[in-house]
PDB file of N, CA and C in Angstrom:
ATOM      1  N   MET A   1       0.845  -1.167   0.000  1.00  0.00           N
ATOM      2  CA  MET A   1       0.000   0.000   0.000  1.00  0.00           C
ATOM      3  C   MET A   1       0.891   1.231   0.000  1.00  0.00           C
ATOM      4  N   ALA A   2       0.551   2.219  -0.743  1.00  0.00           N
ATOM      5  CA  ALA A   2       1.368   3.426  -0.815  1.00  0.00           C
ATOM      6  C   ALA A   2       0.683   4.572  -0.091  1.00  0.00           C
ATOM      7  N   SER A   3       1.478   5.366   0.575  1.00  0.00           N
ATOM      8  CA  SER A   3       1.015   6.558   1.261  1.00  0.00           C
ATOM      9  C   SER A   3       1.328   7.754   0.369  1.00  0.00           C
ATOM     10  N   THR A   4       0.737   8.914   0.665  1.00  0.00           N
ATOM     11  CA  THR A   4       1.011  10.111  -0.126  1.00  0.00           C
ATOM     12  C   THR A   4       2.141  10.941   0.478  1.00  0.00           C
ATOM     13  N   SER A   5       2.532  10.641   1.716  1.00  0.00           N
ATOM     14  CA  SER A   5       3.681  11.281   2.349  1.00  0.00           C
ATOM     15  C   SER A   5       4.276  10.281   3.340  1.00  0.00           C
ATOM     16  N   SER A   6       5.482  10.541   3.797  1.00  0.00           N
ATOM     17  CA  SER A   6       6.162   9.620   4.707  1.00  0.00           C
ATOM     18  C   SER A   6       5.513   9.714   6.090  1.00  0.00           C
ATOM     19  N   PRO A   7       4.734   8.703   6.503  1.00  0.00           N
ATOM     20  CA  PRO A   7       4.003   8.785   7.763  1.00  0.00           C
ATOM     21  C   PRO A   7       4.922   8.683   8.979  1.00  0.00           C
ATOM     22  N   ALA A   8       4.545   9.375  10.045  1.00  0.00           N
ATOM     23  CA  ALA A   8       5.317   9.390  11.282  1.00  0.00           C
ATOM     24  C   ALA A   8       4.847   8.339  12.272  1.00  0.00           C
ATOM     25  N   LYS A   9       3.592   7.899  12.147  1.00  0.00           N
ATOM     26  CA  LYS A   9       3.017   6.942  13.091  1.00  0.00           C
ATOM     27  C   LYS A   9       2.254   5.855  12.357  1.00  0.00           C
ATOM     28  N   GLY A  10       2.158   4.693  12.996  1.00  0.00           N
ATOM     29  CA  GLY A  10       1.391   3.599  12.424  1.00  0.00           C
ATOM     30  C   GLY A  10       0.609   2.860  13.488  1.00  0.00           C
ATOM     31  N   ARG A  11      -0.425   2.171  13.059  1.00  0.00           N
ATOM     32  CA  ARG A  11      -1.267   1.357  13.949  1.00  0.00           C
ATOM     33  C   ARG A  11      -1.506   0.024  13.270  1.00  0.00           C
ATOM     34  N   VAL A  12      -1.391  -1.054  14.041  1.00  0.00           N
ATOM     35  CA  VAL A  12      -1.634  -2.402  13.544  1.00  0.00           C
ATOM     36  C   VAL A  12      -2.836  -2.972  14.277  1.00  0.00           C
ATOM     37  N   LEU A  13      -3.742  -3.609  13.537  1.00  0.00           N
ATOM     38  CA  LEU A  13      -4.923  -4.275  14.095  1.00  0.00           C
ATOM     39  C   LEU A  13      -4.856  -5.745  13.709  1.00  0.00           C
ATOM     40  N   ILE A  14      -5.066  -6.628  14.681  1.00  0.00           N
ATOM     41  CA  ILE A  14      -5.039  -8.066  14.433  1.00  0.00           C
ATOM     42  C   ILE A  14      -6.218  -8.701  15.152  1.00  0.00           C
ATOM     43  N   GLU A  15      -6.958  -9.550  14.429  1.00  0.00           N
ATOM     44  CA  GLU A  15      -8.051 -10.316  15.028  1.00  0.00           C
ATOM     45  C   GLU A  15      -7.687 -11.791  14.975  1.00  0.00           C
ATOM     46  N   THR A  16      -7.731 -12.439  16.137  1.00  0.00           N
ATOM     47  CA  THR A  16      -7.495 -13.883  16.182  1.00  0.00           C
ATOM     48  C   THR A  16      -8.823 -14.605  16.274  1.00  0.00           C
ATOM     49  N   GLY A  17      -8.863 -15.795  15.714  1.00  0.00           N
ATOM     50  CA  GLY A  17     -10.098 -16.545  15.615  1.00  0.00           C
ATOM     51  C   GLY A  17     -10.285 -17.579  16.706  1.00  0.00           C
ATOM     52  N   VAL A  18     -11.483 -18.134  16.731  1.00  0.00           N
ATOM     53  CA  VAL A  18     -11.842 -19.205  17.652  1.00  0.00           C
ATOM     54  C   VAL A  18     -10.896 -20.383  17.410  1.00  0.00           C
ATOM     55  N   GLY A  19     -10.387 -20.954  18.485  1.00  0.00           N
ATOM     56  CA  GLY A  19      -9.467 -22.077  18.371  1.00  0.00           C
ATOM     57  C   GLY A  19      -8.020 -21.701  18.612  1.00  0.00           C
ATOM     58  N   SER A  20      -7.735 -20.404  18.703  1.00  0.00           N
ATOM     59  CA  SER A  20      -6.377 -19.970  19.021  1.00  0.00           C
ATOM     60  C   SER A  20      -6.086 -20.259  20.488  1.00  0.00           C
ATOM     61  N   ASP A  21      -4.818 -20.527  20.801  1.00  0.00           N
ATOM     62  CA  ASP A  21      -4.408 -20.640  22.192  1.00  0.00           C
ATOM     63  C   ASP A  21      -4.588 -19.288  22.878  1.00  0.00           C
ATOM     64  N   THR A  22      -4.531 -19.273  24.230  1.00  0.00           N
ATOM     65  CA  THR A  22      -4.534 -18.016  24.970  1.00  0.00           C
ATOM     66  C   THR A  22      -3.224 -17.305  24.671  1.00  0.00           C
ATOM     67  N   LEU A  23      -3.318 -16.074  24.191  1.00  0.00           N
ATOM     68  CA  LEU A  23      -2.146 -15.328  23.730  1.00  0.00           C
ATOM     69  C   LEU A  23      -1.911 -14.086  24.576  1.00  0.00           C
ATOM     70  N   ILE A  24      -0.646 -13.799  24.818  1.00  0.00           N
ATOM     71  CA  ILE A  24      -0.252 -12.577  25.518  1.00  0.00           C
ATOM     72  C   ILE A  24       0.414 -11.669  24.485  1.00  0.00           C
ATOM     73  N   PRO A  25      -0.207 -10.510  24.206  1.00  0.00           N
ATOM     74  CA  PRO A  25       0.378  -9.617  23.209  1.00  0.00           C
ATOM     75  C   PRO A  25       1.772  -9.154  23.636  1.00  0.00           C
ATOM     76  N   ASN A  26       2.661  -9.002  22.678  1.00  0.00           N
ATOM     77  CA  ASN A  26       4.043  -8.574  22.862  1.00  0.00           C
ATOM     78  C   ASN A  26       4.930  -9.647  23.499  1.00  0.00           C
ATOM     79  N   THR A  27       4.334 -10.766  23.897  1.00  0.00           N
ATOM     80  CA  THR A  27       5.084 -11.909  24.421  1.00  0.00           C
ATOM     81  C   THR A  27       4.954 -13.077  23.455  1.00  0.00           C
ATOM     82  N   ASP A  28       3.712 -13.435  23.127  1.00  0.00           N
ATOM     83  CA  ASP A  28       3.460 -14.543  22.200  1.00  0.00           C
ATOM     84  C   ASP A  28       3.449 -14.098  20.748  1.00  0.00           C
ATOM     85  N   PHE A  29       3.128 -12.852  20.502  1.00  0.00           N
ATOM     86  CA  PHE A  29       3.076 -12.324  19.132  1.00  0.00           C
ATOM     87  C   PHE A  29       3.317 -10.831  19.135  1.00  0.00           C
ATOM     88  N   VAL A  30       3.686 -10.324  17.975  1.00  0.00           N
ATOM     89  CA  VAL A  30       3.808  -8.878  17.765  1.00  0.00           C
ATOM     90  C   VAL A  30       3.175  -8.522  16.426  1.00  0.00           C
ATOM     91  N   GLY A  31       2.731  -7.303  16.343  1.00  0.00           N
ATOM     92  CA  GLY A  31       2.325  -6.707  15.077  1.00  0.00           C
ATOM     93  C   GLY A  31       3.393  -5.690  14.724  1.00  0.00           C
ATOM     94  N   GLU A  32       3.832  -5.684  13.470  1.00  0.00           N
ATOM     95  CA  GLU A  32       4.896  -4.776  13.060  1.00  0.00           C
ATOM     96  C   GLU A  32       4.465  -3.998  11.825  1.00  0.00           C
ATOM     97  N   ILE A  33       5.061  -2.822  11.657  1.00  0.00           N
ATOM     98  CA  ILE A  33       4.701  -1.964  10.529  1.00  0.00           C
ATOM     99  C   ILE A  33       5.977  -1.381   9.915  1.00  0.00           C
ATOM    100  N   SER A  34       5.925  -1.184   8.600  1.00  0.00           N
ATOM    101  CA  SER A  34       7.063  -0.666   7.849  1.00  0.00           C
ATOM    102  C   SER A  34       6.581   0.407   6.887  1.00  0.00           C
ATOM    103  N   ARG A  35       7.416   1.419   6.687  1.00  0.00           N
ATOM    104  CA  ARG A  35       7.076   2.438   5.688  1.00  0.00           C
ATOM    105  C   ARG A  35       8.056   2.435   4.517  1.00  0.00           C
ATOM    106  N   ASP A  36       8.988   1.455   4.516  1.00  0.00           N
ATOM    107  CA  ASP A  36       9.963   1.380   3.424  1.00  0.00           C
ATOM    108  C   ASP A  36       9.900   0.019   2.717  1.00  0.00           C
ATOM    109  N   ASN A  37       8.657  -0.430   2.487  1.00  0.00           N
ATOM    110  CA  ASN A  37       8.383  -1.655   1.731  1.00  0.00           C
ATOM    111  C   ASN A  37       8.915  -2.917   2.406  1.00  0.00           C
ATOM    112  N   GLY A  38       9.020  -2.886   3.743  1.00  0.00           N
ATOM    113  CA  GLY A  38       9.423  -4.077   4.479  1.00  0.00           C
ATOM    114  C   GLY A  38      10.912  -4.209   4.735  1.00  0.00           C
ATOM    115  N   ALA A  39      11.707  -3.213   4.385  1.00  0.00           N
ATOM    116  CA  ALA A  39      13.143  -3.271   4.668  1.00  0.00           C
ATOM    117  C   ALA A  39      13.422  -3.051   6.154  1.00  0.00           C
ATOM    118  N   THR A  40      12.607  -2.213   6.806  1.00  0.00           N
ATOM    119  CA  THR A  40      12.755  -1.900   8.227  1.00  0.00           C
ATOM    120  C   THR A  40      11.400  -2.096   8.899  1.00  0.00           C
ATOM    121  N   TRP A  41      11.392  -2.781  10.050  1.00  0.00           N
ATOM    122  CA  TRP A  41      10.146  -3.045  10.774  1.00  0.00           C
ATOM    123  C   TRP A  41      10.203  -2.444  12.169  1.00  0.00           C
ATOM    124  N   THR A  42       9.066  -1.924  12.623  1.00  0.00           N
ATOM    125  CA  THR A  42       8.926  -1.417  13.985  1.00  0.00           C
ATOM    126  C   THR A  42       7.758  -2.142  14.634  1.00  0.00           C
ATOM    127  N   ALA A  43       8.009  -2.691  15.821  1.00  0.00           N
ATOM    128  CA  ALA A  43       6.952  -3.389  16.562  1.00  0.00           C
ATOM    129  C   ALA A  43       5.991  -2.370  17.165  1.00  0.00           C
ATOM    130  N   ALA A  44       4.710  -2.645  17.039  1.00  0.00           N
ATOM    131  CA  ALA A  44       3.677  -1.836  17.675  1.00  0.00           C
ATOM    132  C   ALA A  44       3.436  -2.390  19.082  1.00  0.00           C
ATOM    133  N   ALA A  45       3.156  -1.520  20.027  1.00  0.00           N
ATOM    134  CA  ALA A  45       2.852  -1.940  21.398  1.00  0.00           C
ATOM    135  C   ALA A  45       1.418  -2.479  21.411  1.00  0.00           C
ATOM    136  N   MET A  46       1.279  -3.793  21.244  1.00  0.00           N
ATOM    137  CA  MET A  46      -0.035  -4.419  21.094  1.00  0.00           C
ATOM    138  C   MET A  46      -0.769  -4.519  22.432  1.00  0.00           C
ATOM    139  N   ALA A  47      -2.087  -4.335  22.376  1.00  0.00           N
ATOM    140  CA  ALA A  47      -2.943  -4.464  23.560  1.00  0.00           C
ATOM    141  C   ALA A  47      -4.249  -5.143  23.162  1.00  0.00           C
ATOM    142  N   PHE A  48      -4.814  -5.907  24.073  1.00  0.00           N
ATOM    143  CA  PHE A  48      -6.111  -6.548  23.868  1.00  0.00           C
ATOM    144  C   PHE A  48      -7.189  -5.475  23.883  1.00  0.00           C
ATOM    145  N   ILE A  49      -8.100  -5.511  22.911  1.00  0.00           N
ATOM    146  CA  ILE A  49      -9.176  -4.521  22.811  1.00  0.00           C
ATOM    147  C   ILE A  49     -10.539  -5.118  23.159  1.00  0.00           C
ATOM    148  N   SER A  50     -10.881  -6.273  22.555  1.00  0.00           N
ATOM    149  CA  SER A  50     -12.202  -6.847  22.823  1.00  0.00           C
ATOM    150  C   SER A  50     -12.249  -8.315  22.416  1.00  0.00           C
ATOM    151  N   ASP A  51     -13.286  -8.991  22.909  1.00  0.00           N
ATOM    152  CA  ASP A  51     -13.556 -10.390  22.567  1.00  0.00           C
ATOM    153  C   ASP A  51     -15.024 -10.482  22.187  1.00  0.00           C
ATOM    154  N   VAL A  52     -15.278 -10.866  20.954  1.00  0.00           N
ATOM    155  CA  VAL A  52     -16.651 -11.030  20.480  1.00  0.00           C
ATOM    156  C   VAL A  52     -16.789 -12.459  19.971  1.00  0.00           C
ATOM    157  N   GLY A  53     -17.440 -13.278  20.754  1.00  0.00           N
ATOM    158  CA  GLY A  53     -17.681 -14.659  20.355  1.00  0.00           C
ATOM    159  C   GLY A  53     -16.414 -15.471  20.155  1.00  0.00           C
ATOM    160  N   GLY A  54     -15.372 -15.176  20.919  1.00  0.00           N
ATOM    161  CA  GLY A  54     -14.119 -15.899  20.792  1.00  0.00           C
ATOM    162  C   GLY A  54     -13.133 -15.299  19.808  1.00  0.00           C
ATOM    163  N   HIS A  55     -13.570 -14.286  19.069  1.00  0.00           N
ATOM    164  CA  HIS A  55     -12.667 -13.553  18.173  1.00  0.00           C
ATOM    165  C   HIS A  55     -12.081 -12.391  18.974  1.00  0.00           C
ATOM    166  N   LYS A  56     -10.773 -12.415  19.160  1.00  0.00           N
ATOM    167  CA  LYS A  56     -10.115 -11.397  19.974  1.00  0.00           C
ATOM    168  C   LYS A  56      -9.437 -10.367  19.083  1.00  0.00           C
ATOM    169  N   LEU A  57      -9.659  -9.092  19.410  1.00  0.00           N
ATOM    170  CA  LEU A  57      -9.089  -7.990  18.651  1.00  0.00           C
ATOM    171  C   LEU A  57      -7.968  -7.347  19.461  1.00  0.00           C
ATOM    172  N   TYR A  58      -6.821  -7.159  18.791  1.00  0.00           N
ATOM    173  CA  TYR A  58      -5.660  -6.513  19.390  1.00  0.00           C
ATOM    174  C   TYR A  58      -5.285  -5.316  18.529  1.00  0.00           C
ATOM    175  N   GLN A  59      -4.772  -4.273  19.189  1.00  0.00           N
ATOM    176  CA  GLN A  59      -4.374  -3.056  18.486  1.00  0.00           C
ATOM    177  C   GLN A  59      -3.068  -2.560  19.075  1.00  0.00           C
ATOM    178  N   GLY A  60      -2.222  -1.995  18.230  1.00  0.00           N
ATOM    179  CA  GLY A  60      -0.976  -1.421  18.716  1.00  0.00           C
ATOM    180  C   GLY A  60      -0.527  -0.252  17.878  1.00  0.00           C
ATOM    181  N   ASP A  61       0.090   0.715  18.535  1.00  0.00           N
ATOM    182  CA  ASP A  61       0.596   1.907  17.865  1.00  0.00           C
ATOM    183  C   ASP A  61       2.122   1.905  17.886  1.00  0.00           C
ATOM    184  N   ALA A  62       2.721   2.544  16.890  1.00  0.00           N
ATOM    185  CA  ALA A  62       4.172   2.623  16.799  1.00  0.00           C
ATOM    186  C   ALA A  62       4.590   3.939  16.161  1.00  0.00           C
ATOM    187  N   SER A  63       5.682   4.496  16.660  1.00  0.00           N
ATOM    188  CA  SER A  63       6.317   5.635  16.002  1.00  0.00           C
ATOM    189  C   SER A  63       7.204   5.101  14.891  1.00  0.00           C
ATOM    190  N   LEU A  64       7.116   5.701  13.721  1.00  0.00           N
ATOM    191  CA  LEU A  64       7.926   5.289  12.578  1.00  0.00           C
ATOM    192  C   LEU A  64       9.088   6.245  12.342  1.00  0.00           C
ATOM    193  N   ALA A  65       9.317   7.158  13.286  1.00  0.00           N
ATOM    194  CA  ALA A  65      10.325   8.197  13.114  1.00  0.00           C
ATOM    195  C   ALA A  65      11.735   7.646  12.940  1.00  0.00           C
ATOM    196  N   SER A  66      12.027   6.482  13.515  1.00  0.00           N
ATOM    197  CA  SER A  66      13.384   5.929  13.421  1.00  0.00           C
ATOM    198  C   SER A  66      13.620   5.167  12.104  1.00  0.00           C
ATOM    199  N   GLN A  67      12.560   4.954  11.332  1.00  0.00           N
ATOM    200  CA  GLN A  67      12.702   4.248  10.052  1.00  0.00           C
ATOM    201  C   GLN A  67      13.156   5.208   8.952  1.00  0.00           C
ATOM    202  N   PRO A  68      13.816   4.673   7.930  1.00  0.00           N
ATOM    203  CA  PRO A  68      14.128   5.510   6.766  1.00  0.00           C
ATOM    204  C   PRO A  68      12.837   6.076   6.173  1.00  0.00           C
ATOM    205  N   SER A  69      12.921   7.251   5.608  1.00  0.00           N
ATOM    206  CA  SER A  69      11.758   7.870   4.991  1.00  0.00           C
ATOM    207  C   SER A  69      11.222   6.969   3.886  1.00  0.00           C
ATOM    208  N   GLY A  70       9.913   6.873   3.798  1.00  0.00           N
ATOM    209  CA  GLY A  70       9.309   6.054   2.759  1.00  0.00           C
ATOM    210  C   GLY A  70       7.801   6.141   2.788  1.00  0.00           C
ATOM    211  N   MET A  71       7.167   5.646   1.732  1.00  0.00           N
ATOM    212  CA  MET A  71       5.717   5.707   1.623  1.00  0.00           C
ATOM    213  C   MET A  71       5.103   4.380   1.201  1.00  0.00           C
ATOM    214  N   ASN A  72       5.914   3.309   1.130  1.00  0.00           N
ATOM    215  CA  ASN A  72       5.400   1.991   0.760  1.00  0.00           C
ATOM    216  C   ASN A  72       5.126   1.192   2.024  1.00  0.00           C
ATOM    217  N   MET A  73       3.873   1.223   2.459  1.00  0.00           N
ATOM    218  CA  MET A  73       3.473   0.673   3.747  1.00  0.00           C
ATOM    219  C   MET A  73       3.239  -0.831   3.684  1.00  0.00           C
ATOM    220  N   LYS A  74       3.681  -1.505   4.748  1.00  0.00           N
ATOM    221  CA  LYS A  74       3.413  -2.923   4.949  1.00  0.00           C
ATOM    222  C   LYS A  74       3.205  -3.157   6.434  1.00  0.00           C
ATOM    223  N   TYR A  75       2.441  -4.200   6.753  1.00  0.00           N
ATOM    224  CA  TYR A  75       2.330  -4.629   8.145  1.00  0.00           C
ATOM    225  C   TYR A  75       2.421  -6.142   8.167  1.00  0.00           C
ATOM    226  N   ARG A  76       2.766  -6.686   9.352  1.00  0.00           N
ATOM    227  CA  ARG A  76       2.853  -8.135   9.473  1.00  0.00           C
ATOM    228  C   ARG A  76       2.592  -8.564  10.911  1.00  0.00           C
ATOM    229  N   PHE A  77       2.248  -9.812  11.032  1.00  0.00           N
ATOM    230  CA  PHE A  77       2.037 -10.498  12.309  1.00  0.00           C
ATOM    231  C   PHE A  77       3.183 -11.482  12.470  1.00  0.00           C
ATOM    232  N   ARG A  78       3.816 -11.505  13.657  1.00  0.00           N
ATOM    233  CA  ARG A  78       4.861 -12.492  13.921  1.00  0.00           C
ATOM    234  C   ARG A  78       4.533 -13.254  15.198  1.00  0.00           C
ATOM    235  N   ASN A  79       4.470 -14.565  15.091  1.00  0.00           N
ATOM    236  CA  ASN A  79       4.261 -15.449  16.234  1.00  0.00           C
ATOM    237  C   ASN A  79       5.631 -15.696  16.848  1.00  0.00           C
ATOM    238  N   LEU A  80       5.804 -15.364  18.120  1.00  0.00           N
ATOM    239  CA  LEU A  80       7.110 -15.455  18.768  1.00  0.00           C
ATOM    240  C   LEU A  80       7.316 -16.749  19.549  1.00  0.00           C
ATOM    241  N   THR A  81       6.224 -17.458  19.872  1.00  0.00           N
ATOM    242  CA  THR A  81       6.338 -18.615  20.761  1.00  0.00           C
ATOM    243  C   THR A  81       5.842 -19.919  20.154  1.00  0.00           C
ATOM    244  N   GLY A  82       5.241 -19.873  18.985  1.00  0.00           N
ATOM    245  CA  GLY A  82       4.742 -21.089  18.364  1.00  0.00           C
ATOM    246  C   GLY A  82       3.387 -21.542  18.870  1.00  0.00           C
ATOM    247  N   LYS A  83       2.735 -20.734  19.723  1.00  0.00           N
ATOM    248  CA  LYS A  83       1.388 -21.088  20.168  1.00  0.00           C
ATOM    249  C   LYS A  83       0.441 -21.088  18.982  1.00  0.00           C
ATOM    250  N   LYS A  84      -0.580 -21.923  19.067  1.00  0.00           N
ATOM    251  CA  LYS A  84      -1.566 -21.996  17.990  1.00  0.00           C
ATOM    252  C   LYS A  84      -2.278 -20.653  17.872  1.00  0.00           C
ATOM    253  N   THR A  85      -2.173 -20.072  16.685  1.00  0.00           N
ATOM    254  CA  THR A  85      -2.749 -18.750  16.444  1.00  0.00           C
ATOM    255  C   THR A  85      -3.456 -18.759  15.101  1.00  0.00           C
ATOM    256  N   ILE A  86      -4.734 -18.453  15.129  1.00  0.00           N
ATOM    257  CA  ILE A  86      -5.524 -18.337  13.908  1.00  0.00           C
ATOM    258  C   ILE A  86      -5.801 -16.847  13.705  1.00  0.00           C
ATOM    259  N   VAL A  87      -5.171 -16.265  12.707  1.00  0.00           N
ATOM    260  CA  VAL A  87      -5.389 -14.848  12.422  1.00  0.00           C
ATOM    261  C   VAL A  87      -6.561 -14.735  11.465  1.00  0.00           C
ATOM    262  N   SER A  88      -7.655 -14.150  11.961  1.00  0.00           N
ATOM    263  CA  SER A  88      -8.868 -13.999  11.141  1.00  0.00           C
ATOM    264  C   SER A  88      -8.714 -12.863  10.144  1.00  0.00           C
ATOM    265  N   THR A  89      -8.146 -11.759  10.619  1.00  0.00           N
ATOM    266  CA  THR A  89      -7.958 -10.584   9.765  1.00  0.00           C
ATOM    267  C   THR A  89      -6.926  -9.673  10.389  1.00  0.00           C
ATOM    268  N   GLY A  90      -6.452  -8.749   9.608  1.00  0.00           N
ATOM    269  CA  GLY A  90      -5.491  -7.780  10.101  1.00  0.00           C
ATOM    270  C   GLY A  90      -5.600  -6.513   9.277  1.00  0.00           C
ATOM    271  N   GLY A  91      -4.990  -5.471   9.782  1.00  0.00           N
ATOM    272  CA  GLY A  91      -5.027  -4.211   9.058  1.00  0.00           C
ATOM    273  C   GLY A  91      -4.039  -3.227   9.645  1.00  0.00           C
ATOM    274  N   ALA A  92      -3.865  -2.127   8.940  1.00  0.00           N
ATOM    275  CA  ALA A  92      -2.952  -1.083   9.401  1.00  0.00           C
ATOM    276  C   ALA A  92      -3.497   0.289   9.029  1.00  0.00           C
ATOM    277  N   GLN A  93      -3.128   1.255   9.864  1.00  0.00           N
ATOM    278  CA  GLN A  93      -3.442   2.661   9.612  1.00  0.00           C
ATOM    279  C   GLN A  93      -2.145   3.434   9.790  1.00  0.00           C
ATOM    280  N   TRP A  94      -2.006   4.566   9.120  1.00  0.00           N
ATOM    281  CA  TRP A  94      -0.805   5.376   9.306  1.00  0.00           C
ATOM    282  C   TRP A  94      -1.129   6.823   9.018  1.00  0.00           C
ATOM    283  N   GLY A  95      -0.266   7.691   9.515  1.00  0.00           N
ATOM    284  CA  GLY A  95      -0.467   9.124   9.308  1.00  0.00           C
ATOM    285  C   GLY A  95       0.601   9.930  10.017  1.00  0.00           C
ATOM    286  N   ASN A  96       0.374  11.220  10.096  1.00  0.00           N
ATOM    287  CA  ASN A  96       1.344  12.131  10.707  1.00  0.00           C
ATOM    288  C   ASN A  96       0.760  12.861  11.913  1.00  0.00           C
ATOM    289  N   VAL A  97      -0.239  12.308  12.505  1.00  0.00           N
ATOM    290  CA  VAL A  97      -0.909  12.940  13.648  1.00  0.00           C
ATOM    291  C   VAL A  97      -0.064  12.793  14.884  1.00  0.00           C
TER     292      VAL A  97
END
């Protein structure tokens, strides 16, 4: 995804599905965001937001100021512990706010 200017901040959203193990954000998994097409990644400080019918939503924000300037946005989910994780959906937001 391309941005129209080099964003200073990013947000990662991750929804896990029914059947996932109990997960601790930032311990069992991280959400990361990049503004230089995936060459540099910054971990977002993930937090649990809600549980609707076993689907858990996590959100995290990150400053992108330490990354090289860029406008080619990417986000990713990384499982750090190998726990069973079913990612239902994910998304990212970015801007200069």
